[in-house]
Protein backbone atom coordinates (compact mmCIF):
# COMPACT_ATOMS: atom_id res chain seq x y z
CA MET A 1 65.72 -133.86 30.63
CA MET A 2 62.42 -132.60 29.82
CA MET A 3 61.94 -131.39 25.81
CA THR A 4 58.83 -130.68 23.64
CA THR A 5 60.80 -132.24 20.12
CA THR A 6 60.12 -135.38 19.47
CA VAL A 7 63.20 -136.31 17.63
CA LEU A 8 66.63 -136.63 18.72
CA THR A 9 69.26 -136.92 16.31
CA ASN A 10 73.03 -138.09 16.45
CA VAL A 11 71.75 -139.24 20.30
CA ASP A 12 71.01 -143.02 21.02
CA TYR A 13 67.64 -143.81 23.43
CA GLU A 14 66.26 -146.00 24.78
CA VAL A 15 62.13 -145.43 24.31
CA LEU A 16 60.74 -147.04 27.83
CA GLY A 17 56.99 -145.81 27.35
CA LEU A 18 54.14 -142.88 27.13
CA VAL A 19 53.79 -140.85 30.54
CA MET A 20 51.63 -138.89 32.15
CA GLY A 21 49.84 -136.95 34.95
CA SER A 22 46.41 -135.73 35.44
CA LYS A 23 45.32 -133.49 37.94
CA VAL A 24 41.99 -131.96 39.35
CA ARG A 25 41.20 -128.59 41.48
CA ALA A 26 38.93 -126.31 42.05
CA VAL A 27 38.98 -123.05 43.06
CA HIS A 28 37.74 -121.89 46.65
CA VAL A 29 34.04 -120.31 46.71
CA GLY A 30 35.18 -116.79 47.18
CA ARG A 31 37.29 -117.07 44.55
CA ASP A 32 35.09 -118.62 42.36
CA ILE A 33 32.93 -115.75 42.61
CA MET A 34 35.91 -112.78 42.67
CA ALA A 35 36.45 -114.14 39.48
CA ALA A 36 32.91 -114.06 37.98
CA LEU A 37 33.21 -110.78 38.95
CA ARG A 38 36.20 -109.65 37.40
CA ASN A 39 34.58 -111.65 33.98
CA LEU A 40 31.81 -108.69 34.41
CA VAL A 41 34.70 -106.24 34.18
CA GLY A 42 37.55 -107.71 31.87
CA GLY A 43 41.33 -108.00 32.53
CA GLU A 44 42.75 -110.98 33.77
CA VAL A 45 41.48 -113.56 36.25
CA LYS A 46 44.27 -113.83 38.45
CA GLU A 47 42.49 -116.78 40.64
CA TYR A 48 41.58 -118.89 36.96
CA SER A 49 45.20 -117.96 36.19
CA GLU A 50 46.76 -119.39 39.77
CA LEU A 51 44.43 -122.61 39.72
CA MET A 52 46.11 -123.39 36.06
CA ARG A 53 50.05 -123.09 37.40
CA ARG A 54 49.39 -125.06 40.39
CA VAL A 55 47.83 -127.72 37.96
CA ARG A 56 50.14 -127.46 35.41
CA GLN A 57 53.32 -128.30 37.86
CA ALA A 58 51.23 -130.81 40.05
CA ALA A 59 50.47 -132.92 36.73
CA LEU A 60 54.01 -132.24 35.10
CA GLU A 61 55.52 -133.56 38.51
CA GLU A 62 53.37 -136.32 38.46
CA MET A 63 54.67 -137.56 34.88
CA ILE A 64 58.04 -136.42 36.08
CA GLU A 65 57.50 -139.63 38.88
CA GLU A 66 55.72 -141.53 36.53
CA ALA A 67 58.99 -141.89 33.94
CA LYS A 68 60.96 -142.29 37.05
CA LYS A 69 59.26 -145.83 38.18
CA LEU A 70 60.42 -146.69 34.44
CA GLY A 71 64.26 -145.66 35.17
CA ALA A 72 63.90 -142.63 32.40
CA ASN A 73 66.40 -140.10 32.57
CA GLY A 74 63.94 -138.14 29.91
CA ILE A 75 60.59 -137.02 28.22
CA MET A 76 60.43 -136.41 24.87
CA GLY A 77 57.89 -135.04 23.46
CA ILE A 78 55.89 -133.16 26.50
CA GLN A 79 52.64 -131.70 26.14
CA PHE A 80 49.39 -130.35 28.06
CA SER A 81 45.83 -131.22 27.63
CA SER A 82 42.85 -129.00 29.71
CA ALA A 83 39.26 -129.21 30.54
CA GLN A 84 36.84 -128.24 32.48
CA ILE A 85 35.17 -130.60 35.17
CA ALA A 86 32.94 -128.56 36.38
CA GLY A 87 32.64 -125.04 37.67
CA GLY A 88 35.90 -123.84 38.93
CA MET A 89 37.38 -127.44 38.50
CA ALA A 90 39.77 -127.77 35.48
CA GLU A 91 41.75 -130.82 34.59
CA ILE A 92 45.64 -131.09 33.35
CA ILE A 93 47.30 -134.18 32.01
CA ALA A 94 50.51 -133.94 31.06
CA TYR A 95 52.00 -136.23 28.86
CA GLY A 96 55.07 -137.20 26.64
CA THR A 97 57.46 -140.56 26.30
CA ALA A 98 59.60 -141.21 28.55
CA VAL A 99 63.51 -142.15 27.55
CA LYS A 100 66.38 -143.09 28.51
CA ILE A 101 69.61 -142.14 27.15
């Protein structure tokens, strides 16, 4: 069970600790050039949208695996943070509180 809420009412649960997943991905040089050209004319930059979707999913999966290692069957208060590392590279961090319900 994954949720963004930070409080469960009428449910007993044990807090196991903070869990997180972090991934850094880079866009292929050809895609980076296409994204730069698309930026000039406006509209969605599909190369970066796809990159961010994939890296978010990978960070989420890493966080889930960390929670499982703690014996958790849920994660509360899930949040994502992102940062640009360099041109065409992005880091996504997924984090939350591992719980056992």
